[in-house]
């Protein structure tokens, strides 16, 4: 590989060419994660300080709407054919199920494995929450969304 990256560039272009839909889906997911987190922190620390659950619900709702629009118009633009109201309904149903998939590892961590005070230290509880919710839960939900969006929400025009 040369220092200027000229050999790496064709490899990246080939990867995006073969897996462009997945790359675009990941970019949308990362963007909506930032929107969700940023909006949650903003709301939780300002006008909805006494209501963190309401702040989280609003943040997830806004991120989900942005995600639908970005996935529809960019990630899966070559797919589909469903009427928009049906497509949007399926998108929000899949996103609701994915929310449960995302929350499941945190619930297991807290209530099955008892990785919470007083059974473990505050630090261990925070670390377990972070890993189970933001790492394991997010990865599982992302895999579920990828599969479900391609299967039901944005099916290929020639789906078998």
N, C-alpha and C. Protein backbone atom coordinates (compact mmCIF):
# COMPACT_ATOMS: atom_id res chain seq x y z
N UNK A 1 0.85 -1.18 0.00
CA UNK A 1 0.00 0.00 0.00
C UNK A 1 0.89 1.23 0.00
N UNK A 2 0.51 2.18 -0.80
CA UNK A 2 1.26 3.42 -0.85
C UNK A 2 0.76 4.36 0.23
N UNK A 3 1.61 5.30 0.62
CA UNK A 3 1.28 6.24 1.69
C UNK A 3 0.10 7.12 1.32
N UNK A 4 -0.04 7.48 0.06
CA UNK A 4 -1.14 8.38 -0.32
C UNK A 4 -2.49 7.69 -0.36
N UNK A 5 -2.55 6.37 -0.14
CA UNK A 5 -3.82 5.67 -0.07
C UNK A 5 -4.41 5.28 -1.41
N UNK A 6 -3.64 5.39 -2.50
CA UNK A 6 -4.21 5.11 -3.81
C UNK A 6 -4.60 3.65 -3.98
N UNK A 7 -3.94 2.74 -3.30
CA UNK A 7 -4.33 1.33 -3.39
C UNK A 7 -5.52 1.03 -2.48
N UNK A 8 -5.65 1.76 -1.39
CA UNK A 8 -6.77 1.52 -0.48
C UNK A 8 -8.08 2.04 -1.05
N UNK A 9 -8.04 3.10 -1.81
CA UNK A 9 -9.26 3.72 -2.35
C UNK A 9 -10.05 2.76 -3.22
N UNK A 10 -9.43 2.03 -4.18
CA UNK A 10 -10.21 1.09 -4.99
C UNK A 10 -10.82 -0.04 -4.14
N UNK A 11 -10.12 -0.46 -3.11
CA UNK A 11 -10.67 -1.50 -2.24
C UNK A 11 -11.91 -0.99 -1.51
N UNK A 12 -11.85 0.25 -1.02
CA UNK A 12 -13.00 0.84 -0.35
C UNK A 12 -14.16 1.00 -1.31
N UNK A 13 -13.88 1.46 -2.52
CA UNK A 13 -14.94 1.61 -3.51
C UNK A 13 -15.56 0.27 -3.88
N UNK A 14 -14.74 -0.78 -3.97
CA UNK A 14 -15.26 -2.11 -4.27
C UNK A 14 -16.13 -2.61 -3.13
N UNK A 15 -15.70 -2.37 -1.90
CA UNK A 15 -16.49 -2.79 -0.73
C UNK A 15 -17.83 -2.08 -0.71
N UNK A 16 -17.83 -0.78 -0.92
CA UNK A 16 -19.07 -0.01 -0.93
C UNK A 16 -19.94 -0.45 -2.10
N UNK A 17 -19.32 -0.74 -3.24
CA UNK A 17 -20.09 -1.20 -4.40
C UNK A 17 -20.81 -2.50 -4.15
N UNK A 18 -20.14 -3.43 -3.48
CA UNK A 18 -20.74 -4.74 -3.19
C UNK A 18 -21.71 -4.68 -2.03
N UNK A 19 -21.42 -3.84 -1.06
CA UNK A 19 -22.21 -3.80 0.17
C UNK A 19 -22.75 -2.41 0.45
N UNK A 20 -23.02 -1.65 -0.59
CA UNK A 20 -23.45 -0.27 -0.43
C UNK A 20 -24.70 -0.11 0.42
N UNK A 21 -25.66 -0.99 0.22
CA UNK A 21 -26.89 -0.90 0.99
C UNK A 21 -26.61 -1.06 2.48
N UNK A 22 -25.76 -2.02 2.83
CA UNK A 22 -25.40 -2.23 4.23
C UNK A 22 -24.62 -1.04 4.79
N UNK A 23 -23.71 -0.50 4.00
CA UNK A 23 -22.93 0.66 4.45
C UNK A 23 -23.86 1.85 4.70
N UNK A 24 -24.78 2.11 3.76
CA UNK A 24 -25.73 3.21 3.93
C UNK A 24 -26.62 2.98 5.16
N UNK A 25 -27.08 1.74 5.36
CA UNK A 25 -27.88 1.40 6.53
C UNK A 25 -27.10 1.69 7.81
N UNK A 26 -25.82 1.33 7.85
CA UNK A 26 -24.99 1.57 9.03
C UNK A 26 -24.78 3.07 9.27
N UNK A 27 -24.61 3.84 8.20
CA UNK A 27 -24.44 5.29 8.34
C UNK A 27 -25.73 5.91 8.90
N UNK A 28 -26.87 5.48 8.39
CA UNK A 28 -28.15 5.99 8.91
C UNK A 28 -28.29 5.60 10.38
N UNK A 29 -27.96 4.36 10.71
CA UNK A 29 -28.05 3.90 12.10
C UNK A 29 -27.16 4.70 13.03
N UNK A 30 -25.93 4.96 12.59
CA UNK A 30 -25.02 5.77 13.42
C UNK A 30 -25.55 7.19 13.58
N UNK A 31 -26.10 7.73 12.52
CA UNK A 31 -26.64 9.09 12.58
C UNK A 31 -27.84 9.18 13.51
N UNK A 32 -28.73 8.20 13.42
CA UNK A 32 -29.91 8.23 14.30
C UNK A 32 -29.52 7.95 15.75
N UNK A 33 -28.46 7.17 15.96
CA UNK A 33 -27.96 6.96 17.32
C UNK A 33 -27.49 8.29 17.91
N UNK A 34 -26.79 9.08 17.11
CA UNK A 34 -26.32 10.39 17.56
C UNK A 34 -27.51 11.32 17.82
N UNK A 35 -28.49 11.32 16.92
CA UNK A 35 -29.69 12.15 17.12
C UNK A 35 -30.41 11.75 18.39
N UNK A 36 -30.63 10.46 18.57
CA UNK A 36 -31.31 9.95 19.77
C UNK A 36 -30.56 10.35 21.04
N UNK A 37 -29.28 10.07 21.07
CA UNK A 37 -28.48 10.37 22.26
C UNK A 37 -28.42 11.88 22.53
N UNK A 38 -28.16 12.66 21.50
CA UNK A 38 -28.07 14.11 21.66
C UNK A 38 -29.37 14.73 22.11
N UNK A 39 -30.46 14.31 21.48
CA UNK A 39 -31.76 14.88 21.85
C UNK A 39 -32.15 14.45 23.26
N UNK A 40 -31.88 13.19 23.60
CA UNK A 40 -32.18 12.71 24.95
C UNK A 40 -31.42 13.53 26.00
N UNK A 41 -30.13 13.70 25.80
CA UNK A 41 -29.33 14.46 26.76
C UNK A 41 -29.79 15.92 26.85
N UNK A 42 -30.11 16.50 25.70
CA UNK A 42 -30.59 17.88 25.69
C UNK A 42 -31.90 18.01 26.47
N UNK A 43 -32.87 17.16 26.15
CA UNK A 43 -34.17 17.24 26.82
C UNK A 43 -34.08 16.89 28.30
N UNK A 44 -33.29 15.84 28.61
CA UNK A 44 -33.17 15.39 30.00
C UNK A 44 -32.50 16.45 30.88
N UNK A 45 -31.65 17.25 30.30
CA UNK A 45 -30.92 18.24 31.08
C UNK A 45 -31.51 19.65 30.98
N UNK A 46 -32.65 19.78 30.29
CA UNK A 46 -33.29 21.09 30.18
C UNK A 46 -34.77 20.97 30.53
N UNK A 47 -35.63 21.07 29.54
CA UNK A 47 -37.07 21.19 29.79
C UNK A 47 -37.73 19.93 30.34
N UNK A 48 -37.11 18.76 30.15
CA UNK A 48 -37.71 17.53 30.67
C UNK A 48 -36.84 16.89 31.75
N UNK A 49 -36.14 17.71 32.50
CA UNK A 49 -35.25 17.19 33.55
C UNK A 49 -35.97 16.27 34.52
N UNK A 50 -37.17 16.61 34.98
CA UNK A 50 -37.83 15.70 35.92
C UNK A 50 -38.51 14.50 35.25
N UNK A 51 -38.46 14.45 33.92
CA UNK A 51 -39.15 13.37 33.20
C UNK A 51 -38.22 12.71 32.18
N UNK A 52 -37.23 11.92 32.64
CA UNK A 52 -36.27 11.32 31.72
C UNK A 52 -36.90 10.30 30.78
N UNK A 53 -37.93 9.59 31.22
CA UNK A 53 -38.56 8.60 30.34
C UNK A 53 -39.26 9.31 29.18
N UNK A 54 -39.93 10.41 29.47
CA UNK A 54 -40.56 11.19 28.41
C UNK A 54 -39.51 11.73 27.44
N UNK A 55 -38.39 12.18 27.98
CA UNK A 55 -37.30 12.66 27.14
C UNK A 55 -36.79 11.55 26.22
N UNK A 56 -36.65 10.36 26.75
CA UNK A 56 -36.16 9.23 25.95
C UNK A 56 -37.17 8.85 24.88
N UNK A 57 -38.45 8.84 25.22
CA UNK A 57 -39.48 8.49 24.24
C UNK A 57 -39.48 9.50 23.09
N UNK A 58 -39.41 10.78 23.41
CA UNK A 58 -39.37 11.80 22.35
C UNK A 58 -38.12 11.67 21.49
N UNK A 59 -36.99 11.42 22.12
CA UNK A 59 -35.74 11.28 21.37
C UNK A 59 -35.80 10.07 20.43
N UNK A 60 -36.31 8.96 20.92
CA UNK A 60 -36.42 7.76 20.09
C UNK A 60 -37.41 8.00 18.95
N UNK A 61 -38.51 8.67 19.23
CA UNK A 61 -39.50 8.95 18.20
C UNK A 61 -38.90 9.81 17.07
N UNK A 62 -38.20 10.88 17.43
CA UNK A 62 -37.59 11.74 16.42
C UNK A 62 -36.54 10.96 15.63
N UNK A 63 -35.70 10.19 16.31
CA UNK A 63 -34.66 9.41 15.63
C UNK A 63 -35.29 8.36 14.70
N UNK A 64 -36.39 7.77 15.11
CA UNK A 64 -37.07 6.78 14.28
C UNK A 64 -37.66 7.40 13.02
N UNK A 65 -38.25 8.58 13.15
CA UNK A 65 -38.79 9.28 11.98
C UNK A 65 -37.67 9.65 11.01
N UNK A 66 -36.58 10.19 11.53
CA UNK A 66 -35.42 10.52 10.68
C UNK A 66 -34.87 9.25 10.03
N UNK A 67 -34.80 8.17 10.81
CA UNK A 67 -34.31 6.89 10.28
C UNK A 67 -35.19 6.37 9.15
N UNK A 68 -36.50 6.48 9.31
CA UNK A 68 -37.40 6.03 8.24
C UNK A 68 -37.14 6.81 6.96
N UNK A 69 -37.11 8.12 7.07
CA UNK A 69 -36.92 8.95 5.89
C UNK A 69 -35.57 8.67 5.22
N UNK A 70 -34.50 8.57 6.02
CA UNK A 70 -33.16 8.33 5.47
C UNK A 70 -33.05 6.93 4.86
N UNK A 71 -33.61 5.93 5.54
CA UNK A 71 -33.56 4.59 4.98
C UNK A 71 -34.40 4.49 3.70
N UNK A 72 -35.57 5.11 3.70
CA UNK A 72 -36.45 5.07 2.53
C UNK A 72 -35.80 5.75 1.33
N UNK A 73 -35.24 6.92 1.55
CA UNK A 73 -34.73 7.71 0.43
C UNK A 73 -33.26 7.45 0.09
N UNK A 74 -32.52 6.77 0.97
CA UNK A 74 -31.10 6.57 0.70
C UNK A 74 -30.69 5.11 0.81
N UNK A 75 -30.83 4.51 2.00
CA UNK A 75 -30.33 3.15 2.22
C UNK A 75 -30.98 2.14 1.30
N UNK A 76 -32.31 2.18 1.21
CA UNK A 76 -33.06 1.17 0.47
C UNK A 76 -33.79 1.77 -0.73
N UNK A 77 -33.23 2.80 -1.31
CA UNK A 77 -33.92 3.50 -2.41
C UNK A 77 -34.15 2.61 -3.63
N UNK A 78 -33.34 1.59 -3.82
CA UNK A 78 -33.50 0.71 -4.98
C UNK A 78 -34.48 -0.43 -4.70
N UNK A 79 -35.02 -0.48 -3.52
CA UNK A 79 -35.96 -1.54 -3.15
C UNK A 79 -37.36 -0.98 -3.02
N UNK A 80 -38.25 -1.84 -2.65
CA UNK A 80 -39.57 -1.38 -2.27
C UNK A 80 -40.61 -1.60 -3.34
N UNK A 81 -41.59 -0.76 -3.30
CA UNK A 81 -42.73 -0.93 -4.15
C UNK A 81 -44.00 -0.98 -3.32
N UNK A 82 -43.85 -0.98 -2.01
CA UNK A 82 -45.02 -0.95 -1.13
C UNK A 82 -45.60 0.46 -1.11
N UNK A 83 -46.88 0.53 -0.88
CA UNK A 83 -47.51 1.84 -0.70
C UNK A 83 -46.91 2.49 0.54
N UNK A 84 -46.66 3.80 0.49
CA UNK A 84 -45.99 4.49 1.59
C UNK A 84 -46.67 4.30 2.95
N UNK A 85 -48.00 4.39 3.06
CA UNK A 85 -48.59 4.19 4.39
C UNK A 85 -48.31 2.79 4.96
N UNK A 86 -48.38 1.77 4.11
CA UNK A 86 -48.09 0.41 4.57
C UNK A 86 -46.62 0.28 4.95
N UNK A 87 -45.76 0.83 4.11
CA UNK A 87 -44.32 0.79 4.36
C UNK A 87 -43.99 1.48 5.68
N UNK A 88 -44.54 2.66 5.91
CA UNK A 88 -44.28 3.40 7.15
C UNK A 88 -44.80 2.64 8.35
N UNK A 89 -45.99 2.05 8.23
CA UNK A 89 -46.54 1.26 9.35
C UNK A 89 -45.62 0.09 9.68
N UNK A 90 -45.20 -0.64 8.66
CA UNK A 90 -44.29 -1.76 8.88
C UNK A 90 -42.97 -1.30 9.50
N UNK A 91 -42.47 -0.15 9.03
CA UNK A 91 -41.23 0.39 9.57
C UNK A 91 -41.35 0.65 11.08
N UNK A 92 -42.45 1.27 11.47
CA UNK A 92 -42.62 1.59 12.89
C UNK A 92 -42.92 0.35 13.73
N UNK A 93 -43.58 -0.65 13.17
CA UNK A 93 -43.80 -1.92 13.88
C UNK A 93 -42.46 -2.62 14.10
N UNK A 94 -41.66 -2.71 13.03
CA UNK A 94 -40.33 -3.34 13.15
C UNK A 94 -39.48 -2.56 14.15
N UNK A 95 -39.53 -1.24 14.11
CA UNK A 95 -38.75 -0.42 15.04
C UNK A 95 -39.20 -0.63 16.48
N UNK A 96 -40.50 -0.82 16.69
CA UNK A 96 -41.01 -1.12 18.04
C UNK A 96 -40.51 -2.45 18.55
N UNK A 97 -40.52 -3.45 17.68
CA UNK A 97 -39.98 -4.76 18.07
C UNK A 97 -38.48 -4.66 18.34
N UNK A 98 -37.78 -3.90 17.50
CA UNK A 98 -36.34 -3.71 17.70
C UNK A 98 -36.04 -3.01 19.02
N UNK A 99 -36.93 -2.11 19.44
CA UNK A 99 -36.76 -1.46 20.74
C UNK A 99 -36.80 -2.50 21.86
N UNK A 100 -37.71 -3.46 21.75
CA UNK A 100 -37.77 -4.54 22.75
C UNK A 100 -36.53 -5.43 22.68
N UNK A 101 -36.07 -5.73 21.47
CA UNK A 101 -34.84 -6.51 21.31
C UNK A 101 -33.67 -5.77 21.94
N UNK A 102 -33.63 -4.45 21.76
CA UNK A 102 -32.56 -3.64 22.32
C UNK A 102 -32.60 -3.64 23.84
N UNK A 103 -33.79 -3.61 24.42
CA UNK A 103 -33.93 -3.53 25.87
C UNK A 103 -33.73 -4.88 26.56
N UNK A 104 -33.92 -5.98 25.85
CA UNK A 104 -33.85 -7.31 26.46
C UNK A 104 -32.53 -7.60 27.17
N UNK A 105 -31.36 -7.33 26.55
CA UNK A 105 -30.11 -7.61 27.28
C UNK A 105 -29.98 -6.82 28.58
N UNK A 106 -30.46 -5.59 28.61
CA UNK A 106 -30.42 -4.80 29.84
C UNK A 106 -31.32 -5.44 30.90
N UNK A 107 -32.50 -5.86 30.50
CA UNK A 107 -33.39 -6.54 31.45
C UNK A 107 -32.79 -7.82 31.98
N UNK A 108 -32.15 -8.60 31.11
CA UNK A 108 -31.50 -9.84 31.54
C UNK A 108 -30.35 -9.52 32.49
N UNK A 109 -29.56 -8.52 32.14
CA UNK A 109 -28.43 -8.13 32.97
C UNK A 109 -28.89 -7.73 34.37
N UNK A 110 -29.92 -6.89 34.41
CA UNK A 110 -30.40 -6.37 35.70
C UNK A 110 -31.19 -7.39 36.51
N UNK A 111 -32.15 -8.06 35.88
CA UNK A 111 -33.14 -8.82 36.63
C UNK A 111 -32.94 -10.33 36.62
N UNK A 112 -32.14 -10.85 35.70
CA UNK A 112 -31.85 -12.28 35.69
C UNK A 112 -30.46 -12.53 36.27
N UNK A 113 -29.49 -11.77 35.79
CA UNK A 113 -28.11 -11.93 36.27
C UNK A 113 -27.83 -11.11 37.53
N UNK A 114 -28.75 -10.24 37.91
CA UNK A 114 -28.64 -9.38 39.10
C UNK A 114 -27.36 -8.55 39.11
N UNK A 115 -27.02 -7.99 37.96
CA UNK A 115 -25.85 -7.12 37.87
C UNK A 115 -26.26 -5.69 38.21
N UNK A 116 -26.76 -5.54 39.43
CA UNK A 116 -27.23 -4.24 39.91
C UNK A 116 -27.00 -4.20 41.42
N UNK A 117 -26.95 -2.96 41.95
CA UNK A 117 -26.80 -2.79 43.39
C UNK A 117 -28.03 -3.38 44.06
N UNK A 118 -27.93 -4.01 45.16
CA UNK A 118 -26.80 -4.16 46.06
C UNK A 118 -25.93 -5.38 45.78
N UNK A 119 -26.20 -6.11 44.70
CA UNK A 119 -25.45 -7.33 44.41
C UNK A 119 -24.05 -7.05 43.87
N UNK A 120 -23.88 -5.92 43.19
CA UNK A 120 -22.57 -5.54 42.65
C UNK A 120 -22.33 -4.07 42.97
N UNK A 121 -21.11 -3.61 42.76
CA UNK A 121 -20.78 -2.21 43.02
C UNK A 121 -21.48 -1.30 42.01
N UNK A 122 -21.54 -0.01 42.34
CA UNK A 122 -22.14 0.96 41.42
C UNK A 122 -21.39 0.98 40.08
N UNK A 123 -20.07 0.88 40.14
CA UNK A 123 -19.28 0.86 38.91
C UNK A 123 -19.63 -0.36 38.07
N UNK A 124 -19.71 -1.53 38.69
CA UNK A 124 -20.05 -2.75 37.96
C UNK A 124 -21.45 -2.66 37.36
N UNK A 125 -22.37 -2.07 38.09
CA UNK A 125 -23.72 -1.88 37.57
C UNK A 125 -23.71 -0.99 36.33
N UNK A 126 -22.99 0.14 36.40
CA UNK A 126 -22.92 1.06 35.26
C UNK A 126 -22.25 0.39 34.06
N UNK A 127 -21.19 -0.36 34.32
CA UNK A 127 -20.49 -1.05 33.23
C UNK A 127 -21.39 -2.11 32.60
N UNK A 128 -22.10 -2.87 33.43
CA UNK A 128 -23.01 -3.89 32.91
C UNK A 128 -24.15 -3.26 32.11
N UNK A 129 -24.68 -2.15 32.61
CA UNK A 129 -25.73 -1.44 31.88
C UNK A 129 -25.23 -0.96 30.51
N UNK A 130 -24.05 -0.39 30.50
CA UNK A 130 -23.48 0.12 29.26
C UNK A 130 -23.27 -1.00 28.25
N UNK A 131 -22.65 -2.07 28.68
CA UNK A 131 -22.37 -3.18 27.77
C UNK A 131 -23.66 -3.85 27.30
N UNK A 132 -24.57 -4.13 28.23
CA UNK A 132 -25.79 -4.84 27.84
C UNK A 132 -26.72 -4.00 26.99
N UNK A 133 -26.89 -2.72 27.32
CA UNK A 133 -27.84 -1.88 26.59
C UNK A 133 -27.24 -1.27 25.33
N UNK A 134 -26.08 -0.64 25.47
CA UNK A 134 -25.53 0.12 24.35
C UNK A 134 -24.67 -0.71 23.41
N UNK A 135 -24.16 -1.85 23.84
CA UNK A 135 -23.35 -2.67 22.95
C UNK A 135 -24.16 -3.88 22.48
N UNK A 136 -24.46 -4.79 23.40
CA UNK A 136 -25.17 -6.02 23.03
C UNK A 136 -26.56 -5.71 22.47
N UNK A 137 -27.32 -4.90 23.18
CA UNK A 137 -28.67 -4.57 22.73
C UNK A 137 -28.69 -3.88 21.39
N UNK A 138 -27.80 -2.91 21.21
CA UNK A 138 -27.75 -2.18 19.95
C UNK A 138 -27.36 -3.09 18.79
N UNK A 139 -26.38 -3.96 19.00
CA UNK A 139 -25.97 -4.87 17.94
C UNK A 139 -27.08 -5.86 17.57
N UNK A 140 -27.76 -6.41 18.57
CA UNK A 140 -28.87 -7.33 18.29
C UNK A 140 -30.01 -6.62 17.55
N UNK A 141 -30.35 -5.43 18.01
CA UNK A 141 -31.43 -4.68 17.37
C UNK A 141 -31.05 -4.28 15.95
N UNK A 142 -29.80 -3.92 15.73
CA UNK A 142 -29.35 -3.55 14.40
C UNK A 142 -29.46 -4.75 13.45
N UNK A 143 -29.02 -5.92 13.90
CA UNK A 143 -29.11 -7.11 13.06
C UNK A 143 -30.58 -7.44 12.75
N UNK A 144 -31.44 -7.33 13.75
CA UNK A 144 -32.86 -7.58 13.54
C UNK A 144 -33.44 -6.58 12.54
N UNK A 145 -33.14 -5.30 12.70
CA UNK A 145 -33.66 -4.28 11.79
C UNK A 145 -33.20 -4.53 10.35
N UNK A 146 -31.91 -4.82 10.19
CA UNK A 146 -31.37 -5.08 8.85
C UNK A 146 -32.16 -6.20 8.18
N UNK A 147 -32.35 -7.29 8.88
CA UNK A 147 -33.07 -8.43 8.32
C UNK A 147 -34.53 -8.07 8.06
N UNK A 148 -35.22 -7.47 9.03
CA UNK A 148 -36.65 -7.18 8.91
C UNK A 148 -36.93 -6.08 7.88
N UNK A 149 -36.09 -5.06 7.83
CA UNK A 149 -36.31 -4.00 6.84
C UNK A 149 -36.20 -4.57 5.43
N UNK A 150 -35.18 -5.39 5.20
CA UNK A 150 -35.00 -5.97 3.86
C UNK A 150 -36.09 -6.97 3.54
N UNK A 151 -36.57 -7.68 4.51
CA UNK A 151 -37.58 -8.73 4.29
C UNK A 151 -38.98 -8.17 4.11
N UNK A 152 -39.39 -7.23 4.98
CA UNK A 152 -40.78 -6.79 4.99
C UNK A 152 -41.00 -5.32 4.62
N UNK A 153 -40.16 -4.44 5.11
CA UNK A 153 -40.42 -3.02 4.94
C UNK A 153 -40.00 -2.53 3.56
N UNK A 154 -38.80 -2.88 3.15
CA UNK A 154 -38.28 -2.46 1.84
C UNK A 154 -37.90 -3.72 1.04
N UNK A 155 -38.89 -4.54 0.69
CA UNK A 155 -38.55 -5.79 -0.02
C UNK A 155 -38.02 -5.50 -1.41
N UNK A 156 -37.21 -6.41 -1.88
CA UNK A 156 -36.70 -6.30 -3.25
C UNK A 156 -37.89 -6.39 -4.21
N UNK A 157 -37.80 -5.70 -5.30
CA UNK A 157 -38.87 -5.75 -6.30
C UNK A 157 -39.05 -7.17 -6.81
N UNK A 158 -37.99 -7.97 -6.76
CA UNK A 158 -38.04 -9.36 -7.24
C UNK A 158 -37.89 -10.34 -6.08
N UNK A 159 -38.45 -9.99 -4.91
CA UNK A 159 -38.31 -10.85 -3.73
C UNK A 159 -38.90 -12.21 -3.99
N UNK A 160 -38.20 -13.25 -3.51
CA UNK A 160 -38.72 -14.60 -3.70
C UNK A 160 -39.67 -14.97 -2.61
